């Protein structure tokens, strides 16, 4: 049922590398 979409707001996705790094390290 899933149709991929690439319309994620850049302001949200831009921080994900930092959030993931903090979570793991």
PDBML (XML) file of the C-alpha atoms, coordinates in Angstrom:
<?xml version="1.0" encoding="UTF-8" ?>
<PDBx:datablock datablockName="MODEL"
   xmlns:PDBx="http://pdbml.pdb.org/schema/pdbx-v50.xsd"
   xmlns:xsi="http://www.w3.org/2001/XMLSchema-instance"
   xsi:schemaLocation="http://pdbml.pdb.org/schema/pdbx-v50.xsd pdbx-v50.xsd">
   <PDBx:atom_siteCategory>
      <PDBx:atom_site id="1">
         <PDBx:B_iso_or_equiv>0.00</PDBx:B_iso_or_equiv>
         <PDBx:Cartn_x>0.000</PDBx:Cartn_x>
         <PDBx:Cartn_y>0.000</PDBx:Cartn_y>
         <PDBx:Cartn_z>0.000</PDBx:Cartn_z>
         <PDBx:auth_asym_id>A</PDBx:auth_asym_id>
         <PDBx:auth_atom_id>CA</PDBx:auth_atom_id>
         <PDBx:auth_comp_id>UNK</PDBx:auth_comp_id>
         <PDBx:auth_seq_id>1</PDBx:auth_seq_id>
         <PDBx:group_PDB>ATOM</PDBx:group_PDB>
         <PDBx:label_alt_id xsi:nil="true" />
         <PDBx:label_asym_id>A</PDBx:label_asym_id>
         <PDBx:label_atom_id>CA</PDBx:label_atom_id>
         <PDBx:label_comp_id>UNK</PDBx:label_comp_id>
         <PDBx:label_entity_id>1</PDBx:label_entity_id>
         <PDBx:label_seq_id>1</PDBx:label_seq_id>
         <PDBx:occupancy>1.00</PDBx:occupancy>
         <PDBx:pdbx_PDB_model_num>1</PDBx:pdbx_PDB_model_num>
         <PDBx:type_symbol>C</PDBx:type_symbol>
      </PDBx:atom_site>
      <PDBx:atom_site id="2">
         <PDBx:B_iso_or_equiv>0.00</PDBx:B_iso_or_equiv>
         <PDBx:Cartn_x>2.993</PDBx:Cartn_x>
         <PDBx:Cartn_y>2.288</PDBx:Cartn_y>
         <PDBx:Cartn_z>0.359</PDBx:Cartn_z>
         <PDBx:auth_asym_id>A</PDBx:auth_asym_id>
         <PDBx:auth_atom_id>CA</PDBx:auth_atom_id>
         <PDBx:auth_comp_id>UNK</PDBx:auth_comp_id>
         <PDBx:auth_seq_id>2</PDBx:auth_seq_id>
         <PDBx:group_PDB>ATOM</PDBx:group_PDB>
         <PDBx:label_alt_id xsi:nil="true" />
         <PDBx:label_asym_id>A</PDBx:label_asym_id>
         <PDBx:label_atom_id>CA</PDBx:label_atom_id>
         <PDBx:label_comp_id>UNK</PDBx:label_comp_id>
         <PDBx:label_entity_id>1</PDBx:label_entity_id>
         <PDBx:label_seq_id>2</PDBx:label_seq_id>
         <PDBx:occupancy>1.00</PDBx:occupancy>
         <PDBx:pdbx_PDB_model_num>1</PDBx:pdbx_PDB_model_num>
         <PDBx:type_symbol>C</PDBx:type_symbol>
      </PDBx:atom_site>
      <PDBx:atom_site id="3">
         <PDBx:B_iso_or_equiv>0.00</PDBx:B_iso_or_equiv>
         <PDBx:Cartn_x>3.840</PDBx:Cartn_x>
         <PDBx:Cartn_y>4.932</PDBx:Cartn_y>
         <PDBx:Cartn_z>-2.196</PDBx:Cartn_z>
         <PDBx:auth_asym_id>A</PDBx:auth_asym_id>
         <PDBx:auth_atom_id>CA</PDBx:auth_atom_id>
         <PDBx:auth_comp_id>UNK</PDBx:auth_comp_id>
         <PDBx:auth_seq_id>3</PDBx:auth_seq_id>
         <PDBx:group_PDB>ATOM</PDBx:group_PDB>
         <PDBx:label_alt_id xsi:nil="true" />
         <PDBx:label_asym_id>A</PDBx:label_asym_id>
         <PDBx:label_atom_id>CA</PDBx:label_atom_id>
         <PDBx:label_comp_id>UNK</PDBx:label_comp_id>
         <PDBx:label_entity_id>1</PDBx:label_entity_id>
         <PDBx:label_seq_id>3</PDBx:label_seq_id>
         <PDBx:occupancy>1.00</PDBx:occupancy>
         <PDBx:pdbx_PDB_model_num>1</PDBx:pdbx_PDB_model_num>
         <PDBx:type_symbol>C</PDBx:type_symbol>
      </PDBx:atom_site>
      <PDBx:atom_site id="4">
         <PDBx:B_iso_or_equiv>0.00</PDBx:B_iso_or_equiv>
         <PDBx:Cartn_x>7.215</PDBx:Cartn_x>
         <PDBx:Cartn_y>6.546</PDBx:Cartn_y>
         <PDBx:Cartn_z>-1.424</PDBx:Cartn_z>
         <PDBx:auth_asym_id>A</PDBx:auth_asym_id>
         <PDBx:auth_atom_id>CA</PDBx:auth_atom_id>
         <PDBx:auth_comp_id>UNK</PDBx:auth_comp_id>
         <PDBx:auth_seq_id>4</PDBx:auth_seq_id>
         <PDBx:group_PDB>ATOM</PDBx:group_PDB>
         <PDBx:label_alt_id xsi:nil="true" />
         <PDBx:label_asym_id>A</PDBx:label_asym_id>
         <PDBx:label_atom_id>CA</PDBx:label_atom_id>
         <PDBx:label_comp_id>UNK</PDBx:label_comp_id>
         <PDBx:label_entity_id>1</PDBx:label_entity_id>
         <PDBx:label_seq_id>4</PDBx:label_seq_id>
         <PDBx:occupancy>1.00</PDBx:occupancy>
         <PDBx:pdbx_PDB_model_num>1</PDBx:pdbx_PDB_model_num>
         <PDBx:type_symbol>C</PDBx:type_symbol>
      </PDBx:atom_site>
      <PDBx:atom_site id="5">
         <PDBx:B_iso_or_equiv>0.00</PDBx:B_iso_or_equiv>
         <PDBx:Cartn_x>7.251</PDBx:Cartn_x>
         <PDBx:Cartn_y>10.294</PDBx:Cartn_y>
         <PDBx:Cartn_z>-1.071</PDBx:Cartn_z>
         <PDBx:auth_asym_id>A</PDBx:auth_asym_id>
         <PDBx:auth_atom_id>CA</PDBx:auth_atom_id>
         <PDBx:auth_comp_id>UNK</PDBx:auth_comp_id>
         <PDBx:auth_seq_id>5</PDBx:auth_seq_id>
         <PDBx:group_PDB>ATOM</PDBx:group_PDB>
         <PDBx:label_alt_id xsi:nil="true" />
         <PDBx:label_asym_id>A</PDBx:label_asym_id>
         <PDBx:label_atom_id>CA</PDBx:label_atom_id>
         <PDBx:label_comp_id>UNK</PDBx:label_comp_id>
         <PDBx:label_entity_id>1</PDBx:label_entity_id>
         <PDBx:label_seq_id>5</PDBx:label_seq_id>
         <PDBx:occupancy>1.00</PDBx:occupancy>
         <PDBx:pdbx_PDB_model_num>1</PDBx:pdbx_PDB_model_num>
         <PDBx:type_symbol>C</PDBx:type_symbol>
      </PDBx:atom_site>
      <PDBx:atom_site id="6">
         <PDBx:B_iso_or_equiv>0.00</PDBx:B_iso_or_equiv>
         <PDBx:Cartn_x>10.283</PDBx:Cartn_x>
         <PDBx:Cartn_y>12.555</PDBx:Cartn_y>
         <PDBx:Cartn_z>-0.950</PDBx:Cartn_z>
         <PDBx:auth_asym_id>A</PDBx:auth_asym_id>
         <PDBx:auth_atom_id>CA</PDBx:auth_atom_id>
         <PDBx:auth_comp_id>UNK</PDBx:auth_comp_id>
         <PDBx:auth_seq_id>6</PDBx:auth_seq_id>
         <PDBx:group_PDB>ATOM</PDBx:group_PDB>
         <PDBx:label_alt_id xsi:nil="true" />
         <PDBx:label_asym_id>A</PDBx:label_asym_id>
         <PDBx:label_atom_id>CA</PDBx:label_atom_id>
         <PDBx:label_comp_id>UNK</PDBx:label_comp_id>
         <PDBx:label_entity_id>1</PDBx:label_entity_id>
         <PDBx:label_seq_id>6</PDBx:label_seq_id>
         <PDBx:occupancy>1.00</PDBx:occupancy>
         <PDBx:pdbx_PDB_model_num>1</PDBx:pdbx_PDB_model_num>
         <PDBx:type_symbol>C</PDBx:type_symbol>
      </PDBx:atom_site>
      <PDBx:atom_site id="7">
         <PDBx:B_iso_or_equiv>0.00</PDBx:B_iso_or_equiv>
         <PDBx:Cartn_x>8.446</PDBx:Cartn_x>
         <PDBx:Cartn_y>15.668</PDBx:Cartn_y>
         <PDBx:Cartn_z>0.184</PDBx:Cartn_z>
         <PDBx:auth_asym_id>A</PDBx:auth_asym_id>
         <PDBx:auth_atom_id>CA</PDBx:auth_atom_id>
         <PDBx:auth_comp_id>UNK</PDBx:auth_comp_id>
         <PDBx:auth_seq_id>7</PDBx:auth_seq_id>
         <PDBx:group_PDB>ATOM</PDBx:group_PDB>
         <PDBx:label_alt_id xsi:nil="true" />
         <PDBx:label_asym_id>A</PDBx:label_asym_id>
         <PDBx:label_atom_id>CA</PDBx:label_atom_id>
         <PDBx:label_comp_id>UNK</PDBx:label_comp_id>
         <PDBx:label_entity_id>1</PDBx:label_entity_id>
         <PDBx:label_seq_id>7</PDBx:label_seq_id>
         <PDBx:occupancy>1.00</PDBx:occupancy>
         <PDBx:pdbx_PDB_model_num>1</PDBx:pdbx_PDB_model_num>
         <PDBx:type_symbol>C</PDBx:type_symbol>
      </PDBx:atom_site>
      <PDBx:atom_site id="8">
         <PDBx:B_iso_or_equiv>0.00</PDBx:B_iso_or_equiv>
         <PDBx:Cartn_x>9.810</PDBx:Cartn_x>
         <PDBx:Cartn_y>15.682</PDBx:Cartn_y>
         <PDBx:Cartn_z>3.743</PDBx:Cartn_z>
         <PDBx:auth_asym_id>A</PDBx:auth_asym_id>
         <PDBx:auth_atom_id>CA</PDBx:auth_atom_id>
         <PDBx:auth_comp_id>UNK</PDBx:auth_comp_id>
         <PDBx:auth_seq_id>8</PDBx:auth_seq_id>
         <PDBx:group_PDB>ATOM</PDBx:group_PDB>
         <PDBx:label_alt_id xsi:nil="true" />
         <PDBx:label_asym_id>A</PDBx:label_asym_id>
         <PDBx:label_atom_id>CA</PDBx:label_atom_id>
         <PDBx:label_comp_id>UNK</PDBx:label_comp_id>
         <PDBx:label_entity_id>1</PDBx:label_entity_id>
         <PDBx:label_seq_id>8</PDBx:label_seq_id>
         <PDBx:occupancy>1.00</PDBx:occupancy>
         <PDBx:pdbx_PDB_model_num>1</PDBx:pdbx_PDB_model_num>
         <PDBx:type_symbol>C</PDBx:type_symbol>
      </PDBx:atom_site>
      <PDBx:atom_site id="9">
         <PDBx:B_iso_or_equiv>0.00</PDBx:B_iso_or_equiv>
         <PDBx:Cartn_x>10.459</PDBx:Cartn_x>
         <PDBx:Cartn_y>19.232</PDBx:Cartn_y>
         <PDBx:Cartn_z>5.003</PDBx:Cartn_z>
         <PDBx:auth_asym_id>A</PDBx:auth_asym_id>
         <PDBx:auth_atom_id>CA</PDBx:auth_atom_id>
         <PDBx:auth_comp_id>UNK</PDBx:auth_comp_id>
         <PDBx:auth_seq_id>9</PDBx:auth_seq_id>
         <PDBx:group_PDB>ATOM</PDBx:group_PDB>
         <PDBx:label_alt_id xsi:nil="true" />
         <PDBx:label_asym_id>A</PDBx:label_asym_id>
         <PDBx:label_atom_id>CA</PDBx:label_atom_id>
         <PDBx:label_comp_id>UNK</PDBx:label_comp_id>
         <PDBx:label_entity_id>1</PDBx:label_entity_id>
         <PDBx:label_seq_id>9</PDBx:label_seq_id>
         <PDBx:occupancy>1.00</PDBx:occupancy>
         <PDBx:pdbx_PDB_model_num>1</PDBx:pdbx_PDB_model_num>
         <PDBx:type_symbol>C</PDBx:type_symbol>
      </PDBx:atom_site>
      <PDBx:atom_site id="10">
         <PDBx:B_iso_or_equiv>0.00</PDBx:B_iso_or_equiv>
         <PDBx:Cartn_x>14.188</PDBx:Cartn_x>
         <PDBx:Cartn_y>19.944</PDBx:Cartn_y>
         <PDBx:Cartn_z>4.851</PDBx:Cartn_z>
         <PDBx:auth_asym_id>A</PDBx:auth_asym_id>
         <PDBx:auth_atom_id>CA</PDBx:auth_atom_id>
         <PDBx:auth_comp_id>UNK</PDBx:auth_comp_id>
         <PDBx:auth_seq_id>10</PDBx:auth_seq_id>
         <PDBx:group_PDB>ATOM</PDBx:group_PDB>
         <PDBx:label_alt_id xsi:nil="true" />
         <PDBx:label_asym_id>A</PDBx:label_asym_id>
         <PDBx:label_atom_id>CA</PDBx:label_atom_id>
         <PDBx:label_comp_id>UNK</PDBx:label_comp_id>
         <PDBx:label_entity_id>1</PDBx:label_entity_id>
         <PDBx:label_seq_id>10</PDBx:label_seq_id>
         <PDBx:occupancy>1.00</PDBx:occupancy>
         <PDBx:pdbx_PDB_model_num>1</PDBx:pdbx_PDB_model_num>
         <PDBx:type_symbol>C</PDBx:type_symbol>
      </PDBx:atom_site>
      <PDBx:atom_site id="11">
         <PDBx:B_iso_or_equiv>0.00</PDBx:B_iso_or_equiv>
         <PDBx:Cartn_x>14.087</PDBx:Cartn_x>
         <PDBx:Cartn_y>21.607</PDBx:Cartn_y>
         <PDBx:Cartn_z>8.263</PDBx:Cartn_z>
         <PDBx:auth_asym_id>A</PDBx:auth_asym_id>
         <PDBx:auth_atom_id>CA</PDBx:auth_atom_id>
         <PDBx:auth_comp_id>UNK</PDBx:auth_comp_id>
         <PDBx:auth_seq_id>11</PDBx:auth_seq_id>
         <PDBx:group_PDB>ATOM</PDBx:group_PDB>
         <PDBx:label_alt_id xsi:nil="true" />
         <PDBx:label_asym_id>A</PDBx:label_asym_id>
         <PDBx:label_atom_id>CA</PDBx:label_atom_id>
         <PDBx:label_comp_id>UNK</PDBx:label_comp_id>
         <PDBx:label_entity_id>1</PDBx:label_entity_id>
         <PDBx:label_seq_id>11</PDBx:label_seq_id>
         <PDBx:occupancy>1.00</PDBx:occupancy>
         <PDBx:pdbx_PDB_model_num>1</PDBx:pdbx_PDB_model_num>
         <PDBx:type_symbol>C</PDBx:type_symbol>
      </PDBx:atom_site>
      <PDBx:atom_site id="12">
         <PDBx:B_iso_or_equiv>0.00</PDBx:B_iso_or_equiv>
         <PDBx:Cartn_x>13.026</PDBx:Cartn_x>
         <PDBx:Cartn_y>18.310</PDBx:Cartn_y>
         <PDBx:Cartn_z>9.841</PDBx:Cartn_z>
         <PDBx:auth_asym_id>A</PDBx:auth_asym_id>
         <PDBx:auth_atom_id>CA</PDBx:auth_atom_id>
         <PDBx:auth_comp_id>UNK</PDBx:auth_comp_id>
         <PDBx:auth_seq_id>12</PDBx:auth_seq_id>
         <PDBx:group_PDB>ATOM</PDBx:group_PDB>
         <PDBx:label_alt_id xsi:nil="true" />
         <PDBx:label_asym_id>A</PDBx:label_asym_id>
         <PDBx:label_atom_id>CA</PDBx:label_atom_id>
         <PDBx:label_comp_id>UNK</PDBx:label_comp_id>
         <PDBx:label_entity_id>1</PDBx:label_entity_id>
         <PDBx:label_seq_id>12</PDBx:label_seq_id>
         <PDBx:occupancy>1.00</PDBx:occupancy>
         <PDBx:pdbx_PDB_model_num>1</PDBx:pdbx_PDB_model_num>
         <PDBx:type_symbol>C</PDBx:type_symbol>
      </PDBx:atom_site>
      <PDBx:atom_site id="13">
         <PDBx:B_iso_or_equiv>0.00</PDBx:B_iso_or_equiv>
         <PDBx:Cartn_x>15.325</PDBx:Cartn_x>
         <PDBx:Cartn_y>15.948</PDBx:Cartn_y>
         <PDBx:Cartn_z>7.986</PDBx:Cartn_z>
         <PDBx:auth_asym_id>A</PDBx:auth_asym_id>
         <PDBx:auth_atom_id>CA</PDBx:auth_atom_id>
         <PDBx:auth_comp_id>UNK</PDBx:auth_comp_id>
         <PDBx:auth_seq_id>13</PDBx:auth_seq_id>
         <PDBx:group_PDB>ATOM</PDBx:group_PDB>
         <PDBx:label_alt_id xsi:nil="true" />
         <PDBx:label_asym_id>A</PDBx:label_asym_id>
         <PDBx:label_atom_id>CA</PDBx:label_atom_id>
         <PDBx:label_comp_id>UNK</PDBx:label_comp_id>
         <PDBx:label_entity_id>1</PDBx:label_entity_id>
         <PDBx:label_seq_id>13</PDBx:label_seq_id>
         <PDBx:occupancy>1.00</PDBx:occupancy>
         <PDBx:pdbx_PDB_model_num>1</PDBx:pdbx_PDB_model_num>
         <PDBx:type_symbol>C</PDBx:type_symbol>
      </PDBx:atom_site>
      <PDBx:atom_site id="14">
         <PDBx:B_iso_or_equiv>0.00</PDBx:B_iso_or_equiv>
         <PDBx:Cartn_x>18.406</PDBx:Cartn_x>
         <PDBx:Cartn_y>18.167</PDBx:Cartn_y>
         <PDBx:Cartn_z>8.248</PDBx:Cartn_z>
         <PDBx:auth_asym_id>A</PDBx:auth_asym_id>
         <PDBx:auth_atom_id>CA</PDBx:auth_atom_id>
         <PDBx:auth_comp_id>UNK</PDBx:auth_comp_id>
         <PDBx:auth_seq_id>14</PDBx:auth_seq_id>
         <PDBx:group_PDB>ATOM</PDBx:group_PDB>
         <PDBx:label_alt_id xsi:nil="true" />
         <PDBx:label_asym_id>A</PDBx:label_asym_id>
         <PDBx:label_atom_id>CA</PDBx:label_atom_id>
         <PDBx:label_comp_id>UNK</PDBx:label_comp_id>
         <PDBx:label_entity_id>1</PDBx:label_entity_id>
         <PDBx:label_seq_id>14</PDBx:label_seq_id>
         <PDBx:occupancy>1.00</PDBx:occupancy>
         <PDBx:pdbx_PDB_model_num>1</PDBx:pdbx_PDB_model_num>
         <PDBx:type_symbol>C</PDBx:type_symbol>
      </PDBx:atom_site>
      <PDBx:atom_site id="15">
         <PDBx:B_iso_or_equiv>0.00</PDBx:B_iso_or_equiv>
         <PDBx:Cartn_x>18.745</PDBx:Cartn_x>
         <PDBx:Cartn_y>17.445</PDBx:Cartn_y>
         <PDBx:Cartn_z>11.961</PDBx:Cartn_z>
         <PDBx:auth_asym_id>A</PDBx:auth_asym_id>
         <PDBx:auth_atom_id>CA</PDBx:auth_atom_id>
         <PDBx:auth_comp_id>UNK</PDBx:auth_comp_id>
         <PDBx:auth_seq_id>15</PDBx:auth_seq_id>
         <PDBx:group_PDB>ATOM</PDBx:group_PDB>
         <PDBx:label_alt_id xsi:nil="true" />
         <PDBx:label_asym_id>A</PDBx:label_asym_id>
         <PDBx:label_atom_id>CA</PDBx:label_atom_id>
         <PDBx:label_comp_id>UNK</PDBx:label_comp_id>
         <PDBx:label_entity_id>1</PDBx:label_entity_id>
         <PDBx:label_seq_id>15</PDBx:label_seq_id>
         <PDBx:occupancy>1.00</PDBx:occupancy>
         <PDBx:pdbx_PDB_model_num>1</PDBx:pdbx_PDB_model_num>
         <PDBx:type_symbol>C</PDBx:type_symbol>
      </PDBx:atom_site>
      <PDBx:atom_site id="16">
         <PDBx:B_iso_or_equiv>0.00</PDBx:B_iso_or_equiv>
         <PDBx:Cartn_x>18.326</PDBx:Cartn_x>
         <PDBx:Cartn_y>13.675</PDBx:Cartn_y>
         <PDBx:Cartn_z>11.794</PDBx:Cartn_z>
         <PDBx:auth_asym_id>A</PDBx:auth_asym_id>
         <PDBx:auth_atom_id>CA</PDBx:auth_atom_id>
         <PDBx:auth_comp_id>UNK</PDBx:auth_comp_id>
         <PDBx:auth_seq_id>16</PDBx:auth_seq_id>
         <PDBx:group_PDB>ATOM</PDBx:group_PDB>
         <PDBx:label_alt_id xsi:nil="true" />
         <PDBx:label_asym_id>A</PDBx:label_asym_id>
         <PDBx:label_atom_id>CA</PDBx:label_atom_id>
         <PDBx:label_comp_id>UNK</PDBx:label_comp_id>
         <PDBx:label_entity_id>1</PDBx:label_entity_id>
         <PDBx:label_seq_id>16</PDBx:label_seq_id>
         <PDBx:occupancy>1.00</PDBx:occupancy>
         <PDBx:pdbx_PDB_model_num>1</PDBx:pdbx_PDB_model_num>
         <PDBx:type_symbol>C</PDBx:type_symbol>
      </PDBx:atom_site>
      <PDBx:atom_site id="17">
         <PDBx:B_iso_or_equiv>0.00</PDBx:B_iso_or_equiv>
         <PDBx:Cartn_x>22.077</PDBx:Cartn_x>
         <PDBx:Cartn_y>12.871</PDBx:Cartn_y>
         <PDBx:Cartn_z>11.496</PDBx:Cartn_z>
         <PDBx:auth_asym_id>A</PDBx:auth_asym_id>
         <PDBx:auth_atom_id>CA</PDBx:auth_atom_id>
         <PDBx:auth_comp_id>UNK</PDBx:auth_comp_id>
         <PDBx:auth_seq_id>17</PDBx:auth_seq_id>
         <PDBx:group_PDB>ATOM</PDBx:group_PDB>
         <PDBx:label_alt_id xsi:nil="true" />
         <PDBx:label_asym_id>A</PDBx:label_asym_id>
         <PDBx:label_atom_id>CA</PDBx:label_atom_id>
         <PDBx:label_comp_id>UNK</PDBx:label_comp_id>
         <PDBx:label_entity_id>1</PDBx:label_entity_id>
         <PDBx:label_seq_id>17</PDBx:label_seq_id>
         <PDBx:occupancy>1.00</PDBx:occupancy>
         <PDBx:pdbx_PDB_model_num>1</PDBx:pdbx_PDB_model_num>
         <PDBx:type_symbol>C</PDBx:type_symbol>
      </PDBx:atom_site>
      <PDBx:atom_site id="18">
         <PDBx:B_iso_or_equiv>0.00</PDBx:B_iso_or_equiv>
         <PDBx:Cartn_x>22.729</PDBx:Cartn_x>
         <PDBx:Cartn_y>14.761</PDBx:Cartn_y>
         <PDBx:Cartn_z>14.731</PDBx:Cartn_z>
         <PDBx:auth_asym_id>A</PDBx:auth_asym_id>
         <PDBx:auth_atom_id>CA</PDBx:auth_atom_id>
         <PDBx:auth_comp_id>UNK</PDBx:auth_comp_id>
         <PDBx:auth_seq_id>18</PDBx:auth_seq_id>
         <PDBx:group_PDB>ATOM</PDBx:group_PDB>
         <PDBx:label_alt_id xsi:nil="true" />
         <PDBx:label_asym_id>A</PDBx:label_asym_id>
         <PDBx:label_atom_id>CA</PDBx:label_atom_id>
         <PDBx:label_comp_id>UNK</PDBx:label_comp_id>
         <PDBx:label_entity_id>1</PDBx:label_entity_id>
         <PDBx:label_seq_id>18</PDBx:label_seq_id>
         <PDBx:occupancy>1.00</PDBx:occupancy>
         <PDBx:pdbx_PDB_model_num>1</PDBx:pdbx_PDB_model_num>
         <PDBx:type_symbol>C</PDBx:type_symbol>
      </PDBx:atom_site>
      <PDBx:atom_site id="19">
         <PDBx:B_iso_or_equiv>0.00</PDBx:B_iso_or_equiv>
         <PDBx:Cartn_x>19.763</PDBx:Cartn_x>
         <PDBx:Cartn_y>13.226</PDBx:Cartn_y>
         <PDBx:Cartn_z>16.542</PDBx:Cartn_z>
         <PDBx:auth_asym_id>A</PDBx:auth_asym_id>
         <PDBx:auth_atom_id>CA</PDBx:auth_atom_id>
         <PDBx:auth_comp_id>UNK</PDBx:auth_comp_id>
         <PDBx:auth_seq_id>19</PDBx:auth_seq_id>
         <PDBx:group_PDB>ATOM</PDBx:group_PDB>
         <PDBx:label_alt_id xsi:nil="true" />
         <PDBx:label_asym_id>A</PDBx:label_asym_id>
         <PDBx:label_atom_id>CA</PDBx:label_atom_id>
         <PDBx:label_comp_id>UNK</PDBx:label_comp_id>
         <PDBx:label_entity_id>1</PDBx:label_entity_id>
         <PDBx:label_seq_id>19</PDBx:label_seq_id>
         <PDBx:occupancy>1.00</PDBx:occupancy>
         <PDBx:pdbx_PDB_model_num>1</PDBx:pdbx_PDB_model_num>
         <PDBx:type_symbol>C</PDBx:type_symbol>
      </PDBx:atom_site>
      <PDBx:atom_site id="20">
         <PDBx:B_iso_or_equiv>0.00</PDBx:B_iso_or_equiv>
         <PDBx:Cartn_x>20.780</PDBx:Cartn_x>
         <PDBx:Cartn_y>9.729</PDBx:Cartn_y>
         <PDBx:Cartn_z>15.487</PDBx:Cartn_z>
         <PDBx:auth_asym_id>A</PDBx:auth_asym_id>
         <PDBx:auth_atom_id>CA</PDBx:auth_atom_id>
         <PDBx:auth_comp_id>UNK</PDBx:auth_comp_id>
         <PDBx:auth_seq_id>20</PDBx:auth_seq_id>
         <PDBx:group_PDB>ATOM</PDBx:group_PDB>
         <PDBx:label_alt_id xsi:nil="true" />
         <PDBx:label_asym_id>A</PDBx:label_asym_id>
         <PDBx:label_atom_id>CA</PDBx:label_atom_id>
         <PDBx:label_comp_id>UNK</PDBx:label_comp_id>
         <PDBx:label_entity_id>1</PDBx:label_entity_id>
         <PDBx:label_seq_id>20</PDBx:label_seq_id>
         <PDBx:occupancy>1.00</PDBx:occupancy>
         <PDBx:pdbx_PDB_model_num>1</PDBx:pdbx_PDB_model_num>
         <PDBx:type_symbol>C</PDBx:type_symbol>
      </PDBx:atom_site>
      <PDBx:atom_site id="21">
         <PDBx:B_iso_or_equiv>0.00</PDBx:B_iso_or_equiv>
         <PDBx:Cartn_x>24.382</PDBx:Cartn_x>
         <PDBx:Cartn_y>10.352</PDBx:Cartn_y>
         <PDBx:Cartn_z>16.540</PDBx:Cartn_z>
         <PDBx:auth_asym_id>A</PDBx:auth_asym_id>
         <PDBx:auth_atom_id>CA</PDBx:auth_atom_id>
         <PDBx:auth_comp_id>UNK</PDBx:auth_comp_id>
         <PDBx:auth_seq_id>21</PDBx:auth_seq_id>
         <PDBx:group_PDB>ATOM</PDBx:group_PDB>
         <PDBx:label_alt_id xsi:nil="true" />
         <PDBx:label_asym_id>A</PDBx:label_asym_id>
         <PDBx:label_atom_id>CA</PDBx:label_atom_id>
         <PDBx:label_comp_id>UNK</PDBx:label_comp_id>
         <PDBx:label_entity_id>1</PDBx:label_entity_id>
         <PDBx:label_seq_id>21</PDBx:label_seq_id>
         <PDBx:occupancy>1.00</PDBx:occupancy>
         <PDBx:pdbx_PDB_model_num>1</PDBx:pdbx_PDB_model_num>
         <PDBx:type_symbol>C</PDBx:type_symbol>
      </PDBx:atom_site>
      <PDBx:atom_site id="22">
         <PDBx:B_iso_or_equiv>0.00</PDBx:B_iso_or_equiv>
         <PDBx:Cartn_x>23.351</PDBx:Cartn_x>
         <PDBx:Cartn_y>11.602</PDBx:Cartn_y>
         <PDBx:Cartn_z>19.993</PDBx:Cartn_z>
         <PDBx:auth_asym_id>A</PDBx:auth_asym_id>
         <PDBx:auth_atom_id>CA</PDBx:auth_atom_id>
         <PDBx:auth_comp_id>UNK</PDBx:auth_comp_id>
         <PDBx:auth_seq_id>22</PDBx:auth_seq_id>
         <PDBx:group_PDB>ATOM</PDBx:group_PDB>
         <PDBx:label_alt_id xsi:nil="true" />
         <PDBx:label_asym_id>A</PDBx:label_asym_id>
         <PDBx:label_atom_id>CA</PDBx:label_atom_id>
         <PDBx:label_comp_id>UNK</PDBx:label_comp_id>
         <PDBx:label_entity_id>1</PDBx:label_entity_id>
         <PDBx:label_seq_id>22</PDBx:label_seq_id>
         <PDBx:occupancy>1.00</PDBx:occupancy>
         <PDBx:pdbx_PDB_model_num>1</PDBx:pdbx_PDB_model_num>
         <PDBx:type_symbol>C</PDBx:type_symbol>
      </PDBx:atom_site>
      <PDBx:atom_site id="23">
         <PDBx:B_iso_or_equiv>0.00</PDBx:B_iso_or_equiv>
         <PDBx:Cartn_x>21.037</PDBx:Cartn_x>
         <PDBx:Cartn_y>8.634</PDBx:Cartn_y>
         <PDBx:Cartn_z>20.452</PDBx:Cartn_z>
         <PDBx:auth_asym_id>A</PDBx:auth_asym_id>
         <PDBx:auth_atom_id>CA</PDBx:auth_atom_id>
         <PDBx:auth_comp_id>UNK</PDBx:auth_comp_id>
         <PDBx:auth_seq_id>23</PDBx:auth_seq_id>
         <PDBx:group_PDB>ATOM</PDBx:group_PDB>
         <PDBx:label_alt_id xsi:nil="true" />
         <PDBx:label_asym_id>A</PDBx:label_asym_id>
         <PDBx:label_atom_id>CA</PDBx:label_atom_id>
         <PDBx:label_comp_id>UNK</PDBx:label_comp_id>
         <PDBx:label_entity_id>1</PDBx:label_entity_id>
         <PDBx:label_seq_id>23</PDBx:label_seq_id>
         <PDBx:occupancy>1.00</PDBx:occupancy>
         <PDBx:pdbx_PDB_model_num>1</PDBx:pdbx_PDB_model_num>
         <PDBx:type_symbol>C</PDBx:type_symbol>
      </PDBx:atom_site>
      <PDBx:atom_site id="24">
         <PDBx:B_iso_or_equiv>0.00</PDBx:B_iso_or_equiv>
         <PDBx:Cartn_x>23.793</PDBx:Cartn_x>
         <PDBx:Cartn_y>6.124</PDBx:Cartn_y>
         <PDBx:Cartn_z>19.674</PDBx:Cartn_z>
         <PDBx:auth_asym_id>A</PDBx:auth_asym_id>
         <PDBx:auth_atom_id>CA</PDBx:auth_atom_id>
         <PDBx:auth_comp_id>UNK</PDBx:auth_comp_id>
         <PDBx:auth_seq_id>24</PDBx:auth_seq_id>
         <PDBx:group_PDB>ATOM</PDBx:group_PDB>
         <PDBx:label_alt_id xsi:nil="true" />
         <PDBx:label_asym_id>A</PDBx:label_asym_id>
         <PDBx:label_atom_id>CA</PDBx:label_atom_id>
         <PDBx:label_comp_id>UNK</PDBx:label_comp_id>
         <PDBx:label_entity_id>1</PDBx:label_entity_id>
         <PDBx:label_seq_id>24</PDBx:label_seq_id>
         <PDBx:occupancy>1.00</PDBx:occupancy>
         <PDBx:pdbx_PDB_model_num>1</PDBx:pdbx_PDB_model_num>
         <PDBx:type_symbol>C</PDBx:type_symbol>
      </PDBx:atom_site>
      <PDBx:atom_site id="25">
         <PDBx:B_iso_or_equiv>0.00</PDBx:B_iso_or_equiv>
         <PDBx:Cartn_x>26.815</PDBx:Cartn_x>
         <PDBx:Cartn_y>7.947</PDBx:Cartn_y>
         <PDBx:Cartn_z>21.166</PDBx:Cartn_z>
         <PDBx:auth_asym_id>A</PDBx:auth_asym_id>
         <PDBx:auth_atom_id>CA</PDBx:auth_atom_id>
         <PDBx:auth_comp_id>UNK</PDBx:auth_comp_id>
         <PDBx:auth_seq_id>25</PDBx:auth_seq_id>
         <PDBx:group_PDB>ATOM</PDBx:group_PDB>
         <PDBx:label_alt_id xsi:nil="true" />
         <PDBx:label_asym_id>A</PDBx:label_asym_id>
         <PDBx:label_atom_id>CA</PDBx:label_atom_id>
         <PDBx:label_comp_id>UNK</PDBx:label_comp_id>
         <PDBx:label_entity_id>1</PDBx:label_entity_id>
         <PDBx:label_seq_id>25</PDBx:label_seq_id>
         <PDBx:occupancy>1.00</PDBx:occupancy>
         <PDBx:pdbx_PDB_model_num>1</PDBx:pdbx_PDB_model_num>
         <PDBx:type_symbol>C</PDBx:type_symbol>
      </PDBx:atom_site>
   </PDBx:atom_siteCategory>
</PDBx:datablock>
